[in-house]
Amino acid sequence: MSSCSFGRCGTPQETKSAGSAIAWRAATRMRNRIVHGYWDLDVETLVATAGDDLPQMIVQLDHLIAVLDEDHADHQA
């Protein structure tokens, strides 16, 4: 889920807390670097991050989604 206020969007703090093992700050820094500093990107770092860090982050995010879905289902019952 995403929340937006005052023109800024992001992941709610409760979601970040539930997925505390996820490197939220690193992902935010990478996103900001790509969006705002594309003229000065280190392509090797970008490729290394995609190959080394993203697979583990995807596993962590999949797990977080499953936990949040389960919590949501529990609250619906």
Protein backbone atom coordinates (compact mmCIF):
# COMPACT_ATOMS: atom_id res chain seq x y z
CA MET A 1 0.00 0.00 0.00
CA SER A 2 1.05 3.53 -0.60
CA SER A 3 0.08 6.72 1.15
CA CYS A 4 0.27 10.24 -0.22
CA SER A 5 0.17 13.51 1.66
CA PHE A 6 1.42 16.95 0.78
CA GLY A 7 2.54 15.67 -2.61
CA ARG A 8 4.77 12.97 -1.14
CA CYS A 9 4.02 9.29 -1.50
CA GLY A 10 5.54 6.37 0.28
CA THR A 11 5.09 3.18 2.19
CA PRO A 12 3.19 3.58 5.48
CA GLN A 13 5.32 3.26 8.61
CA GLU A 14 3.23 0.33 9.89
CA THR A 15 4.04 -1.59 6.70
CA LYS A 16 7.73 -0.77 7.05
CA SER A 17 7.63 -1.95 10.66
CA ALA A 18 6.00 -5.23 9.63
CA GLY A 19 8.78 -5.71 7.08
CA SER A 20 11.65 -4.51 9.22
CA ALA A 21 14.15 -6.84 7.48
CA ILE A 22 13.58 -5.04 4.18
CA ALA A 23 16.16 -2.40 3.22
CA TRP A 24 13.57 0.39 2.83
CA ARG A 25 16.07 3.26 3.06
CA ALA A 26 18.46 1.71 0.56
CA ALA A 27 15.58 1.17 -1.87
CA THR A 28 14.44 4.77 -1.41
CA ARG A 29 17.96 6.10 -1.95
CA MET A 30 18.34 4.00 -5.11
CA ARG A 31 14.97 5.20 -6.42
CA ASN A 32 15.86 8.83 -5.72
CA ARG A 33 19.24 8.42 -7.40
CA ILE A 34 17.66 6.92 -10.52
CA VAL A 35 14.88 9.50 -10.70
CA HIS A 36 16.86 12.62 -9.82
CA GLY A 37 20.42 11.79 -10.78
CA TYR A 38 20.10 9.74 -13.93
CA TRP A 39 22.80 11.80 -15.68
CA ASP A 40 25.27 10.64 -13.04
CA LEU A 41 24.38 6.96 -12.56
CA ASP A 42 27.00 4.29 -12.11
CA VAL A 43 25.63 1.59 -14.40
CA GLU A 44 27.84 -1.08 -12.83
CA THR A 45 26.37 -0.33 -9.39
CA LEU A 46 22.86 -0.40 -10.82
CA VAL A 47 23.45 -3.77 -12.51
CA ALA A 48 25.10 -5.19 -9.38
CA THR A 49 22.18 -4.05 -7.23
CA ALA A 50 19.69 -5.60 -9.64
CA GLY A 51 21.56 -8.90 -9.63
CA ASP A 52 22.68 -9.06 -6.00
CA ASP A 53 20.09 -7.25 -3.91
CA LEU A 54 16.78 -7.37 -5.77
CA PRO A 55 16.23 -11.14 -5.66
CA GLN A 56 16.40 -11.16 -1.84
CA MET A 57 14.23 -8.04 -1.60
CA ILE A 58 11.60 -9.68 -3.82
CA VAL A 59 11.51 -12.71 -1.49
CA GLN A 60 11.16 -10.41 1.52
CA LEU A 61 8.40 -8.38 -0.14
CA ASP A 62 6.52 -11.53 -1.17
CA HIS A 63 6.65 -12.70 2.44
CA LEU A 64 5.47 -9.32 3.71
CA ILE A 65 2.56 -9.30 1.26
CA ALA A 66 1.52 -12.78 2.44
CA VAL A 67 1.63 -11.66 6.09
CA LEU A 68 -0.34 -8.48 5.35
CA ASP A 69 -2.89 -10.42 3.30
CA GLU A 70 -3.31 -12.90 6.17
CA ASP A 71 -3.76 -10.05 8.68
CA HIS A 72 -6.28 -8.40 6.39
CA ALA A 73 -8.22 -11.66 6.00
CA ASP A 74 -8.23 -12.16 9.78
CA HIS A 75 -9.71 -8.69 10.27
CA GLN A 76 -12.39 -9.35 7.63
CA ALA A 77 -13.61 -12.52 9.36
